[in-house]
PDB file of N, CA and C in Angstrom:
ATOM      1  N   MET A   1     -60.299-131.511 -23.885  1.00  0.00           N
ATOM      2  CA  MET A   1     -59.625-130.471 -24.569  1.00  0.00           C
ATOM      3  C   MET A   1     -58.116-129.898 -23.693  1.00  0.00           C
ATOM      4  N   GLN A   2     -57.198-129.706 -24.760  1.00  0.00           N
ATOM      5  CA  GLN A   2     -55.862-129.342 -23.770  1.00  0.00           C
ATOM      6  C   GLN A   2     -55.711-128.024 -23.370  1.00  0.00           C
ATOM      7  N   ARG A   3     -54.891-128.050 -22.122  1.00  0.00           N
ATOM      8  CA  ARG A   3     -54.733-127.028 -21.640  1.00  0.00           C
ATOM      9  C   ARG A   3     -54.479-125.921 -22.080  1.00  0.00           C
ATOM     10  N   ILE A   4     -53.816-125.771 -23.232  1.00  0.00           N
ATOM     11  CA  ILE A   4     -53.816-124.729 -24.224  1.00  0.00           C
ATOM     12  C   ILE A   4     -54.955-123.660 -24.491  1.00  0.00           C
ATOM     13  N   HIS A   5     -55.782-124.804 -24.875  1.00  0.00           N
ATOM     14  CA  HIS A   5     -56.766-124.194 -25.352  1.00  0.00           C
ATOM     15  C   HIS A   5     -57.519-123.564 -24.291  1.00  0.00           C
ATOM     16  N   TYR A   6     -57.938-123.359 -22.963  1.00  0.00           N
ATOM     17  CA  TYR A   6     -58.267-122.967 -21.991  1.00  0.00           C
ATOM     18  C   TYR A   6     -57.593-121.457 -21.584  1.00  0.00           C
ATOM     19  N   TYR A   7     -56.230-121.641 -21.791  1.00  0.00           N
ATOM     20  CA  TYR A   7     -55.601-120.630 -21.562  1.00  0.00           C
ATOM     21  C   TYR A   7     -55.401-119.500 -22.249  1.00  0.00           C
ATOM     22  N   ARG A   8     -56.109-119.819 -23.784  1.00  0.00           N
ATOM     23  CA  ARG A   8     -56.305-118.617 -24.591  1.00  0.00           C
ATOM     24  C   ARG A   8     -57.532-118.446 -24.636  1.00  0.00           C
ATOM     25  N   ALA A   9     -58.378-119.229 -24.162  1.00  0.00           N
ATOM     26  CA  ALA A   9     -59.821-118.952 -24.040  1.00  0.00           C
ATOM     27  C   ALA A   9     -59.686-117.503 -23.224  1.00  0.00           C
ATOM     28  N   GLY A  10     -58.740-117.871 -22.059  1.00  0.00           N
ATOM     29  CA  GLY A  10     -58.704-116.811 -20.908  1.00  0.00           C
ATOM     30  C   GLY A  10     -58.349-115.602 -21.565  1.00  0.00           C
ATOM     31  N   LEU A  11     -57.306-115.665 -22.347  1.00  0.00           N
ATOM     32  CA  LEU A  11     -56.673-114.174 -22.890  1.00  0.00           C
ATOM     33  C   LEU A  11     -57.439-113.510 -23.720  1.00  0.00           C
ATOM     34  N   ILE A  12     -58.156-114.329 -24.598  1.00  0.00           N
ATOM     35  CA  ILE A  12     -59.137-113.892 -25.517  1.00  0.00           C
ATOM     36  C   ILE A  12     -60.331-112.955 -24.559  1.00  0.00           C
ATOM     37  N   GLY A  13     -60.575-113.520 -23.612  1.00  0.00           N
ATOM     38  CA  GLY A  13     -61.693-112.772 -22.673  1.00  0.00           C
ATOM     39  C   GLY A  13     -60.925-111.637 -21.896  1.00  0.00           C
ATOM     40  N   PHE A  14     -59.450-111.907 -21.137  1.00  0.00           N
ATOM     41  CA  PHE A  14     -58.938-110.744 -20.620  1.00  0.00           C
ATOM     42  C   PHE A  14     -59.098-109.439 -21.213  1.00  0.00           C
ATOM     43  N   PHE A  15     -58.257-109.457 -23.026  1.00  0.00           N
ATOM     44  CA  PHE A  15     -57.735-108.461 -23.867  1.00  0.00           C
ATOM     45  C   PHE A  15     -59.159-108.069 -24.466  1.00  0.00           C
ATOM     46  N   GLY A  16     -60.559-109.048 -24.517  1.00  0.00           N
ATOM     47  CA  GLY A  16     -61.563-108.687 -24.818  1.00  0.00           C
ATOM     48  C   GLY A  16     -62.034-107.547 -24.066  1.00  0.00           C
ATOM     49  N   LEU A  17     -62.093-107.765 -22.460  1.00  0.00           N
ATOM     50  CA  LEU A  17     -62.539-107.131 -21.666  1.00  0.00           C
ATOM     51  C   LEU A  17     -61.865-106.067 -21.435  1.00  0.00           C
ATOM     52  N   PHE A  18     -60.724-105.986 -21.363  1.00  0.00           N
ATOM     53  CA  PHE A  18     -59.355-104.857 -21.262  1.00  0.00           C
ATOM     54  C   PHE A  18     -59.660-103.835 -22.197  1.00  0.00           C
ATOM     55  N   PHE A  19     -60.022-104.333 -23.653  1.00  0.00           N
ATOM     56  CA  PHE A  19     -60.126-103.105 -24.631  1.00  0.00           C
ATOM     57  C   PHE A  19     -61.597-102.629 -24.733  1.00  0.00           C
ATOM     58  N   LEU A  20     -62.824-103.522 -24.412  1.00  0.00           N
ATOM     59  CA  LEU A  20     -63.979-102.978 -24.151  1.00  0.00           C
ATOM     60  C   LEU A  20     -64.172-101.992 -22.755  1.00  0.00           C
ATOM     61  N   GLN A  21     -63.444-102.388 -22.247  1.00  0.00           N
ATOM     62  CA  GLN A  21     -63.542-101.592 -20.876  1.00  0.00           C
ATOM     63  C   GLN A  21     -63.030 -99.818 -21.300  1.00  0.00           C
ATOM     64  N   LEU A  22     -62.343 -99.853 -22.120  1.00  0.00           N
ATOM     65  CA  LEU A  22     -61.177 -98.733 -22.634  1.00  0.00           C
ATOM     66  C   LEU A  22     -62.361 -97.869 -23.826  1.00  0.00           C
ATOM     67  N   ALA A  23     -62.815 -98.786 -24.329  1.00  0.00           N
ATOM     68  CA  ALA A  23     -63.514 -98.205 -25.120  1.00  0.00           C
ATOM     69  C   ALA A  23     -64.818 -97.581 -24.820  1.00  0.00           C
ATOM     70  N   TRP A  24     -65.532 -98.728 -23.924  1.00  0.00           N
ATOM     71  CA  TRP A  24     -66.723 -98.072 -23.424  1.00  0.00           C
ATOM     72  C   TRP A  24     -66.600 -96.629 -22.767  1.00  0.00           C
ATOM     73  N   HIS A  25     -65.507 -96.550 -21.766  1.00  0.00           N
ATOM     74  CA  HIS A  25     -65.542 -95.414 -20.797  1.00  0.00           C
ATOM     75  C   HIS A  25     -65.115 -94.244 -21.516  1.00  0.00           C
ATOM     76  N   THR A  26     -64.402 -94.048 -23.109  1.00  0.00           N
ATOM     77  CA  THR A  26     -63.719 -93.267 -23.606  1.00  0.00           C
ATOM     78  C   THR A  26     -64.541 -93.134 -24.594  1.00  0.00           C
ATOM     79  N   LEU A  27     -64.837 -93.766 -25.634  1.00  0.00           N
ATOM     80  CA  LEU A  27     -65.549 -93.519 -26.807  1.00  0.00           C
ATOM     81  C   LEU A  27     -67.151 -93.706 -27.162  1.00  0.00           C
ATOM     82  N   LEU A  28     -67.254 -94.965 -26.822  1.00  0.00           N
ATOM     83  CA  LEU A  28     -69.172 -95.078 -27.036  1.00  0.00           C
ATOM     84  C   LEU A  28     -69.956 -94.869 -25.887  1.00  0.00           C
ATOM     85  N   PHE A  29     -69.597 -94.651 -24.527  1.00  0.00           N
ATOM     86  CA  PHE A  29     -70.103 -94.059 -23.958  1.00  0.00           C
ATOM     87  C   PHE A  29     -69.540 -92.981 -22.394  1.00  0.00           C
ATOM     88  N   PRO A  30     -68.930 -91.873 -22.893  1.00  0.00           N
ATOM     89  CA  PRO A  30     -68.165 -91.559 -21.802  1.00  0.00           C
ATOM     90  C   PRO A  30     -69.017 -90.762 -20.758  1.00  0.00           C
ATOM     91  N   ILE A  31     -68.535 -90.057 -19.905  1.00  0.00           N
ATOM     92  CA  ILE A  31     -69.485 -89.719 -18.531  1.00  0.00           C
ATOM     93  C   ILE A  31     -68.976 -88.251 -18.479  1.00  0.00           C
ATOM     94  N   SER A  32     -70.111 -87.970 -18.489  1.00  0.00           N
ATOM     95  CA  SER A  32     -69.575 -86.260 -18.335  1.00  0.00           C
ATOM     96  C   SER A  32     -69.859 -85.704 -16.774  1.00  0.00           C
ATOM     97  N   GLY A  33     -68.855 -84.924 -16.543  1.00  0.00           N
ATOM     98  CA  GLY A  33     -68.477 -84.590 -14.970  1.00  0.00           C
ATOM     99  C   GLY A  33     -67.843 -85.453 -14.095  1.00  0.00           C
ATOM    100  N   PHE A  34     -67.508 -86.578 -14.766  1.00  0.00           N
ATOM    101  CA  PHE A  34     -66.962 -87.342 -14.000  1.00  0.00           C
ATOM    102  C   PHE A  34     -64.973 -87.501 -14.874  1.00  0.00           C
ATOM    103  N   PRO A  35     -64.256 -87.427 -13.690  1.00  0.00           N
ATOM    104  CA  PRO A  35     -62.585 -87.444 -14.657  1.00  0.00           C
ATOM    105  C   PRO A  35     -62.858 -88.915 -15.417  1.00  0.00           C
ATOM    106  N   THR A  36     -62.102 -89.001 -16.440  1.00  0.00           N
ATOM    107  CA  THR A  36     -62.371 -90.393 -17.418  1.00  0.00           C
ATOM    108  C   THR A  36     -61.318 -91.366 -16.601  1.00  0.00           C
ATOM    109  N   ALA A  37     -60.072 -90.598 -16.568  1.00  0.00           N
ATOM    110  CA  ALA A  37     -58.895 -91.184 -15.859  1.00  0.00           C
ATOM    111  C   ALA A  37     -59.436 -92.151 -14.898  1.00  0.00           C
ATOM    112  N   LEU A  38     -60.093 -91.661 -14.055  1.00  0.00           N
ATOM    113  CA  LEU A  38     -60.666 -91.982 -12.607  1.00  0.00           C
ATOM    114  C   LEU A  38     -61.407 -93.147 -12.540  1.00  0.00           C
ATOM    115  N   LEU A  39     -62.037 -92.816 -13.907  1.00  0.00           N
ATOM    116  CA  LEU A  39     -63.212 -94.218 -14.242  1.00  0.00           C
ATOM    117  C   LEU A  39     -62.231 -95.334 -14.898  1.00  0.00           C
ATOM    118  N   LEU A  40     -61.132 -94.837 -16.018  1.00  0.00           N
ATOM    119  CA  LEU A  40     -60.371 -95.875 -16.457  1.00  0.00           C
ATOM    120  C   LEU A  40     -59.500 -96.517 -15.214  1.00  0.00           C
ATOM    121  N   LEU A  41     -58.948 -95.952 -13.657  1.00  0.00           N
ATOM    122  CA  LEU A  41     -58.380 -96.422 -13.132  1.00  0.00           C
ATOM    123  C   LEU A  41     -59.040 -97.528 -12.130  1.00  0.00           C
ATOM    124  N   ILE A  42     -60.401 -97.335 -12.051  1.00  0.00           N
ATOM    125  CA  ILE A  42     -61.179 -98.173 -11.311  1.00  0.00           C
ATOM    126  C   ILE A  42     -61.997 -98.822 -12.177  1.00  0.00           C
ATOM    127  N   THR A  43     -62.037 -99.476 -13.313  1.00  0.00           N
ATOM    128  CA  THR A  43     -62.757-100.223 -13.995  1.00  0.00           C
ATOM    129  C   THR A  43     -61.134-100.891 -14.700  1.00  0.00           C
ATOM    130  N   VAL A  44     -60.480-100.154 -15.200  1.00  0.00           N
ATOM    131  CA  VAL A  44     -59.463-101.538 -16.017  1.00  0.00           C
ATOM    132  C   VAL A  44     -58.073-101.357 -14.972  1.00  0.00           C
ATOM    133  N   GLY A  45     -58.110-100.753 -14.136  1.00  0.00           N
ATOM    134  CA  GLY A  45     -56.551-100.906 -12.799  1.00  0.00           C
ATOM    135  C   GLY A  45     -56.596-102.088 -12.507  1.00  0.00           C
ATOM    136  N   PRO A  46     -57.640-102.854 -11.983  1.00  0.00           N
ATOM    137  CA  PRO A  46     -57.882-104.471 -11.491  1.00  0.00           C
ATOM    138  C   PRO A  46     -57.559-104.971 -12.155  1.00  0.00           C
ATOM    139  N   LEU A  47     -57.722-104.820 -13.496  1.00  0.00           N
ATOM    140  CA  LEU A  47     -57.409-106.012 -14.686  1.00  0.00           C
ATOM    141  C   LEU A  47     -55.674-105.985 -14.973  1.00  0.00           C
ATOM    142  N   LEU A  48     -54.739-104.888 -14.362  1.00  0.00           N
ATOM    143  CA  LEU A  48     -53.712-104.660 -14.695  1.00  0.00           C
ATOM    144  C   LEU A  48     -53.033-105.509 -13.542  1.00  0.00           C
ATOM    145  N   LEU A  49     -53.193-105.483 -12.431  1.00  0.00           N
ATOM    146  CA  LEU A  49     -52.361-106.270 -10.872  1.00  0.00           C
ATOM    147  C   LEU A  49     -52.025-107.565 -11.556  1.00  0.00           C
ATOM    148  N   PRO A  50     -52.725-108.592 -12.074  1.00  0.00           N
ATOM    149  CA  PRO A  50     -52.231-109.937 -12.091  1.00  0.00           C
ATOM    150  C   PRO A  50     -51.677-109.981 -13.902  1.00  0.00           C
ATOM    151  N   TYR A  51     -51.794-109.079 -14.419  1.00  0.00           N
ATOM    152  CA  TYR A  51     -51.727-108.850 -15.796  1.00  0.00           C
ATOM    153  C   TYR A  51     -50.549-110.115 -16.155  1.00  0.00           C
ATOM    154  N   ARG A  52     -48.957-109.519 -15.511  1.00  0.00           N
ATOM    155  CA  ARG A  52     -47.879-110.136 -16.116  1.00  0.00           C
ATOM    156  C   ARG A  52     -47.621-111.555 -15.629  1.00  0.00           C
ATOM    157  N   GLY A  53     -48.529-112.140 -14.382  1.00  0.00           N
ATOM    158  CA  GLY A  53     -48.421-113.445 -14.073  1.00  0.00           C
ATOM    159  C   GLY A  53     -49.010-114.286 -15.199  1.00  0.00           C
ATOM    160  N   LEU A  54     -50.351-113.390 -15.618  1.00  0.00           N
ATOM    161  CA  LEU A  54     -51.413-114.169 -16.652  1.00  0.00           C
ATOM    162  C   LEU A  54     -50.402-114.478 -18.082  1.00  0.00           C
ATOM    163  N   LEU A  55     -49.672-113.419 -18.378  1.00  0.00           N
ATOM    164  CA  LEU A  55     -48.773-113.542 -19.488  1.00  0.00           C
ATOM    165  C   LEU A  55     -47.756-114.678 -19.678  1.00  0.00           C
ATOM    166  N   ASN A  56     -47.289-114.961 -18.034  1.00  0.00           N
ATOM    167  CA  ASN A  56     -46.298-115.799 -17.785  1.00  0.00           C
ATOM    168  C   ASN A  56     -46.690-117.306 -17.227  1.00  0.00           C
ATOM    169  N   ARG A  57     -47.996-117.400 -17.673  1.00  0.00           N
ATOM    170  CA  ARG A  57     -49.368-118.840 -17.012  1.00  0.00           C
ATOM    171  C   ARG A  57     -48.477-119.014 -15.655  1.00  0.00           C
ATOM    172  N   ASN A  58     -48.333-117.801 -14.803  1.00  0.00           N
ATOM    173  CA  ASN A  58     -48.790-118.421 -13.431  1.00  0.00           C
ATOM    174  C   ASN A  58     -50.056-118.646 -12.986  1.00  0.00           C
ATOM    175  N   LEU A  59     -50.202-119.943 -12.166  1.00  0.00           N
ATOM    176  CA  LEU A  59     -51.345-120.293 -11.884  1.00  0.00           C
ATOM    177  C   LEU A  59     -51.505-119.679 -10.947  1.00  0.00           C
ATOM    178  N   LYS A  60     -51.182-118.946  -9.866  1.00  0.00           N
ATOM    179  CA  LYS A  60     -51.721-118.089  -9.078  1.00  0.00           C
ATOM    180  C   LYS A  60     -52.168-116.605  -9.544  1.00  0.00           C
ATOM    181  N   SER A  61     -51.533-116.564 -10.787  1.00  0.00           N
ATOM    182  CA  SER A  61     -52.137-114.902 -11.495  1.00  0.00           C
ATOM    183  C   SER A  61     -53.323-115.126 -11.700  1.00  0.00           C
ATOM    184  N   CYS A  62     -53.336-116.901 -12.972  1.00  0.00           N
ATOM    185  CA  CYS A  62     -54.804-117.220 -13.546  1.00  0.00           C
ATOM    186  C   CYS A  62     -55.937-117.341 -12.477  1.00  0.00           C
ATOM    187  N   THR A  63     -55.392-117.768 -11.189  1.00  0.00           N
ATOM    188  CA  THR A  63     -56.844-117.974  -9.980  1.00  0.00           C
ATOM    189  C   THR A  63     -56.904-116.548  -9.425  1.00  0.00           C
ATOM    190  N   TRP A  64     -56.329-115.710  -9.708  1.00  0.00           N
ATOM    191  CA  TRP A  64     -56.496-114.247  -9.244  1.00  0.00           C
ATOM    192  C   TRP A  64     -57.672-113.507 -10.293  1.00  0.00           C
ATOM    193  N   MET A  65     -56.702-113.660 -11.837  1.00  0.00           N
ATOM    194  CA  MET A  65     -57.943-113.548 -12.785  1.00  0.00           C
ATOM    195  C   MET A  65     -59.260-114.264 -12.706  1.00  0.00           C
ATOM    196  N   THR A  66     -59.309-115.370 -12.689  1.00  0.00           N
ATOM    197  CA  THR A  66     -60.539-115.985 -12.291  1.00  0.00           C
ATOM    198  C   THR A  66     -61.280-115.330 -11.338  1.00  0.00           C
ATOM    199  N   TYR A  67     -60.936-114.700 -10.189  1.00  0.00           N
ATOM    200  CA  TYR A  67     -61.773-113.948  -8.951  1.00  0.00           C
ATOM    201  C   TYR A  67     -61.926-112.602  -9.761  1.00  0.00           C
ATOM    202  N   LEU A  68     -61.020-112.021 -10.557  1.00  0.00           N
ATOM    203  CA  LEU A  68     -61.473-110.395 -10.665  1.00  0.00           C
ATOM    204  C   LEU A  68     -62.245-110.638 -11.891  1.00  0.00           C
ATOM    205  N   SER A  69     -62.926-111.488 -12.397  1.00  0.00           N
ATOM    206  CA  SER A  69     -63.358-111.635 -13.727  1.00  0.00           C
ATOM    207  C   SER A  69     -65.373-111.375 -13.310  1.00  0.00           C
ATOM    208  N   LEU A  70     -65.389-111.544 -12.199  1.00  0.00           N
ATOM    209  CA  LEU A  70     -66.538-111.718 -11.490  1.00  0.00           C
ATOM    210  C   LEU A  70     -67.276-110.605 -11.101  1.00  0.00           C
ATOM    211  N   PRO A  71     -66.455-109.639 -10.849  1.00  0.00           N
ATOM    212  CA  PRO A  71     -67.374-107.966 -10.994  1.00  0.00           C
ATOM    213  C   PRO A  71     -67.764-107.766 -12.395  1.00  0.00           C
ATOM    214  N   TYR A  72     -67.255-108.071 -13.225  1.00  0.00           N
ATOM    215  CA  TYR A  72     -67.193-107.686 -14.587  1.00  0.00           C
ATOM    216  C   TYR A  72     -68.310-108.177 -15.227  1.00  0.00           C
ATOM    217  N   PHE A  73     -68.508-109.611 -14.455  1.00  0.00           N
ATOM    218  CA  PHE A  73     -69.566-110.214 -15.022  1.00  0.00           C
ATOM    219  C   PHE A  73     -70.970-109.829 -14.141  1.00  0.00           C
ATOM    220  N   ALA A  74     -70.746-109.059 -12.770  1.00  0.00           N
ATOM    221  CA  ALA A  74     -71.829-108.434 -11.918  1.00  0.00           C
ATOM    222  C   ALA A  74     -72.241-106.900 -12.950  1.00  0.00           C
ATOM    223  N   HIS A  75     -71.170-106.456 -13.082  1.00  0.00           N
ATOM    224  CA  HIS A  75     -71.744-104.732 -13.851  1.00  0.00           C
ATOM    225  C   HIS A  75     -72.200-105.103 -14.919  1.00  0.00           C
ATOM    226  N   GLY A  76     -71.842-106.427 -15.953  1.00  0.00           N
ATOM    227  CA  GLY A  76     -72.366-106.780 -17.094  1.00  0.00           C
ATOM    228  C   GLY A  76     -73.872-106.805 -17.295  1.00  0.00           C
ATOM    229  N   VAL A  77     -74.326-107.736 -16.405  1.00  0.00           N
ATOM    230  CA  VAL A  77     -75.534-108.273 -16.183  1.00  0.00           C
ATOM    231  C   VAL A  77     -76.355-107.171 -15.301  1.00  0.00           C
ATOM    232  N   ALA A  78     -75.824-106.604 -14.731  1.00  0.00           N
ATOM    233  CA  ALA A  78     -76.454-105.117 -14.501  1.00  0.00           C
ATOM    234  C   ALA A  78     -77.117-104.085 -15.303  1.00  0.00           C
ATOM    235  N   GLU A  79     -75.944-103.865 -16.159  1.00  0.00           N
ATOM    236  CA  GLU A  79     -75.906-102.872 -17.387  1.00  0.00           C
ATOM    237  C   GLU A  79     -76.891-103.771 -18.236  1.00  0.00           C
ATOM    238  N   ALA A  80     -77.281-104.518 -18.434  1.00  0.00           N
ATOM    239  CA  ALA A  80     -77.954-105.212 -19.785  1.00  0.00           C
ATOM    240  C   ALA A  80     -79.383-104.998 -19.283  1.00  0.00           C
ATOM    241  N   TYR A  81     -79.547-105.043 -17.981  1.00  0.00           N
ATOM    242  CA  TYR A  81     -80.759-105.093 -17.452  1.00  0.00           C
ATOM    243  C   TYR A  81     -81.314-103.394 -17.171  1.00  0.00           C
ATOM    244  N   VAL A  82     -80.360-103.001 -17.060  1.00  0.00           N
ATOM    245  CA  VAL A  82     -81.325-101.407 -16.921  1.00  0.00           C
ATOM    246  C   VAL A  82     -81.113-100.280 -17.989  1.00  0.00           C
ATOM    247  N   SER A  83     -79.858-100.662 -19.023  1.00  0.00           N
ATOM    248  CA  SER A  83     -79.885 -99.772 -19.945  1.00  0.00           C
ATOM    249  C   SER A  83     -79.816-100.511 -21.476  1.00  0.00           C
ATOM    250  N   GLN A  84     -80.991 -99.920 -22.281  1.00  0.00           N
ATOM    251  CA  GLN A  84     -81.236-100.963 -23.500  1.00  0.00           C
ATOM    252  C   GLN A  84     -80.142-100.376 -24.328  1.00  0.00           C
ATOM    253  N   SER A  85     -79.414 -98.946 -24.462  1.00  0.00           N
ATOM    254  CA  SER A  85     -79.144 -98.593 -25.321  1.00  0.00           C
ATOM    255  C   SER A  85     -77.078 -99.130 -25.045  1.00  0.00           C
ATOM    256  N   GLU A  86     -77.094 -99.843 -24.001  1.00  0.00           N
ATOM    257  CA  GLU A  86     -75.467 -99.924 -23.467  1.00  0.00           C
ATOM    258  C   GLU A  86     -75.761-101.716 -23.974  1.00  0.00           C
ATOM    259  N   ARG A  87     -76.711-101.941 -23.776  1.00  0.00           N
ATOM    260  CA  ARG A  87     -77.352-103.805 -23.494  1.00  0.00           C
ATOM    261  C   ARG A  87     -76.284-104.543 -24.743  1.00  0.00           C
ATOM    262  N   PRO A  88     -75.946-103.905 -25.914  1.00  0.00           N
ATOM    263  CA  PRO A  88     -75.003-105.297 -26.566  1.00  0.00           C
ATOM    264  C   PRO A  88     -73.477-105.399 -26.026  1.00  0.00           C
ATOM    265  N   PHE A  89     -72.882-103.811 -25.585  1.00  0.00           N
ATOM    266  CA  PHE A  89     -72.091-103.681 -24.898  1.00  0.00           C
ATOM    267  C   PHE A  89     -71.840-104.680 -23.284  1.00  0.00           C
ATOM    268  N   ALA A  90     -72.651-104.796 -22.566  1.00  0.00           N
ATOM    269  CA  ALA A  90     -73.123-105.022 -21.667  1.00  0.00           C
ATOM    270  C   ALA A  90     -72.973-106.747 -21.767  1.00  0.00           C
ATOM    271  N   LEU A  91     -73.463-107.210 -22.971  1.00  0.00           N
ATOM    272  CA  LEU A  91     -73.645-108.633 -23.223  1.00  0.00           C
ATOM    273  C   LEU A  91     -72.460-108.907 -23.489  1.00  0.00           C
ATOM    274  N   LEU A  92     -71.726-108.150 -24.344  1.00  0.00           N
ATOM    275  CA  LEU A  92     -70.406-108.584 -24.883  1.00  0.00           C
ATOM    276  C   LEU A  92     -69.274-108.301 -23.371  1.00  0.00           C
ATOM    277  N   GLU A  93     -69.822-107.620 -22.588  1.00  0.00           N
ATOM    278  CA  GLU A  93     -68.413-107.524 -21.058  1.00  0.00           C
ATOM    279  C   GLU A  93     -68.494-108.924 -20.257  1.00  0.00           C
ATOM    280  N   VAL A  94     -70.392-109.424 -20.413  1.00  0.00           N
ATOM    281  CA  VAL A  94     -70.438-110.600 -19.943  1.00  0.00           C
ATOM    282  C   VAL A  94     -69.775-111.884 -20.586  1.00  0.00           C
ATOM    283  N   ALA A  95     -69.796-112.009 -21.534  1.00  0.00           N
ATOM    284  CA  ALA A  95     -69.099-112.953 -22.799  1.00  0.00           C
ATOM    285  C   ALA A  95     -67.744-112.969 -21.976  1.00  0.00           C
ATOM    286  N   PHE A  96     -67.088-111.835 -22.305  1.00  0.00           N
ATOM    287  CA  PHE A  96     -65.575-111.653 -21.880  1.00  0.00           C
ATOM    288  C   PHE A  96     -65.386-112.346 -20.435  1.00  0.00           C
ATOM    289  N   SER A  97     -66.031-111.733 -19.549  1.00  0.00           N
ATOM    290  CA  SER A  97     -66.142-112.056 -18.377  1.00  0.00           C
ATOM    291  C   SER A  97     -66.219-113.362 -17.669  1.00  0.00           C
ATOM    292  N   LEU A  98     -66.849-114.075 -18.706  1.00  0.00           N
ATOM    293  CA  LEU A  98     -66.711-115.887 -18.377  1.00  0.00           C
ATOM    294  C   LEU A  98     -66.261-116.557 -19.119  1.00  0.00           C
ATOM    295  N   ALA A  99     -65.802-115.831 -20.459  1.00  0.00           N
ATOM    296  CA  ALA A  99     -64.303-116.328 -21.136  1.00  0.00           C
ATOM    297  C   ALA A  99     -63.113-116.304 -20.411  1.00  0.00           C
ATOM    298  N   LEU A 100     -62.839-114.996 -19.503  1.00  0.00           N
ATOM    299  CA  LEU A 100     -61.618-115.115 -18.810  1.00  0.00           C
ATOM    300  C   LEU A 100     -61.718-115.807 -17.196  1.00  0.00           C
ATOM    301  N   CYS A 101     -63.307-116.297 -16.852  1.00  0.00           N
ATOM    302  CA  CYS A 101     -62.994-116.770 -15.778  1.00  0.00           C
ATOM    303  C   CYS A 101     -63.220-118.407 -16.163  1.00  0.00           C
ATOM    304  N   PHE A 102     -63.782-118.898 -16.827  1.00  0.00           N
ATOM    305  CA  PHE A 102     -63.579-120.187 -17.319  1.00  0.00           C
ATOM    306  C   PHE A 102     -62.325-120.529 -18.054  1.00  0.00           C
ATOM    307  N   GLY A 103     -61.755-119.752 -19.064  1.00  0.00           N
ATOM    308  CA  GLY A 103     -60.679-120.151 -19.102  1.00  0.00           C
ATOM    309  C   GLY A 103     -59.650-120.225 -18.408  1.00  0.00           C
ATOM    310  N   ALA A 104     -58.957-119.201 -17.581  1.00  0.00           N
ATOM    311  CA  ALA A 104     -58.415-119.189 -16.201  1.00  0.00           C
ATOM    312  C   ALA A 104     -58.795-120.513 -15.543  1.00  0.00           C
ATOM    313  N   GLY A 105     -59.531-120.675 -15.189  1.00  0.00           N
ATOM    314  CA  GLY A 105     -59.948-121.696 -14.270  1.00  0.00           C
ATOM    315  C   GLY A 105     -59.730-122.665 -14.571  1.00  0.00           C
ATOM    316  N   LEU A 106     -60.069-123.289 -15.523  1.00  0.00           N
ATOM    317  CA  LEU A 106     -59.932-124.463 -16.056  1.00  0.00           C
ATOM    318  C   LEU A 106     -59.006-124.894 -16.623  1.00  0.00           C
ATOM    319  N   TYR A 107     -57.823-123.680 -16.886  1.00  0.00           N
ATOM    320  CA  TYR A 107     -56.662-123.528 -16.929  1.00  0.00           C
ATOM    321  C   TYR A 107     -55.705-124.301 -15.755  1.00  0.00           C
ATOM    322  N   VAL A 108     -55.805-123.611 -14.729  1.00  0.00           N
ATOM    323  CA  VAL A 108     -55.425-123.778 -13.445  1.00  0.00           C
ATOM    324  C   VAL A 108     -55.802-125.093 -13.065  1.00  0.00           C
ATOM    325  N   TYR A 109     -57.203-125.657 -13.335  1.00  0.00           N
ATOM    326  CA  TYR A 109     -57.596-126.913 -12.684  1.00  0.00           C
ATOM    327  C   TYR A 109     -56.940-128.004 -13.331  1.00  0.00           C
ATOM    328  N   LYS A 110     -57.082-127.842 -15.153  1.00  0.00           N
ATOM    329  CA  LYS A 110     -55.999-128.993 -15.740  1.00  0.00           C
ATOM    330  C   LYS A 110     -54.329-129.147 -15.088  1.00  0.00           C
ATOM    331  N   ALA A 111     -53.584-128.054 -14.667  1.00  0.00           N
ATOM    332  CA  ALA A 111     -52.678-127.977 -14.736  1.00  0.00           C
ATOM    333  C   ALA A 111     -52.484-128.668 -13.095  1.00  0.00           C
ATOM    334  N   GLU A 112     -53.542-128.313 -12.584  1.00  0.00           N
ATOM    335  CA  GLU A 112     -53.067-128.950 -10.730  1.00  0.00           C
ATOM    336  C   GLU A 112     -53.278-130.700 -11.244  1.00  0.00           C
ATOM    337  N   LYS A 113     -54.493-130.873 -12.055  1.00  0.00           N
ATOM    338  CA  LYS A 113     -54.534-132.654 -12.402  1.00  0.00           C
ATOM    339  C   LYS A 113     -53.403-132.933 -12.858  1.00  0.00           C
ATOM    340  N   ALA A 114     -52.424-132.362 -13.342  1.00  0.00           N
ATOM    341  CA  ALA A 114     -51.088-133.059 -14.060  1.00  0.00           C
ATOM    342  C   ALA A 114     -50.064-133.575 -13.830  1.00  0.00           C
TER     343      ALA A 114
END
């Protein structure tokens, strides 16, 4: 498989995870009694740190994006186990985080091998 396909898989995972987190905490299951802006800062903020480097195909940023996808994977697995009403969205979070992790990771791996 070519490197560009791994990069595209990572981008799909990133944007899927980004928009899922935005929708989950504002439209689908908003938490009452907790500031939405703070919750979005906690959940979406880390994704924005290496965002520019990911779009520029910077290998270091892609590596960091791989590391940042792992807490989202853990959160998705925990939510899928705990909450039956949020299970489809949690499993979608797991799928997007895995796409981001493996897509960005394999993109970096293939770039280092070339």
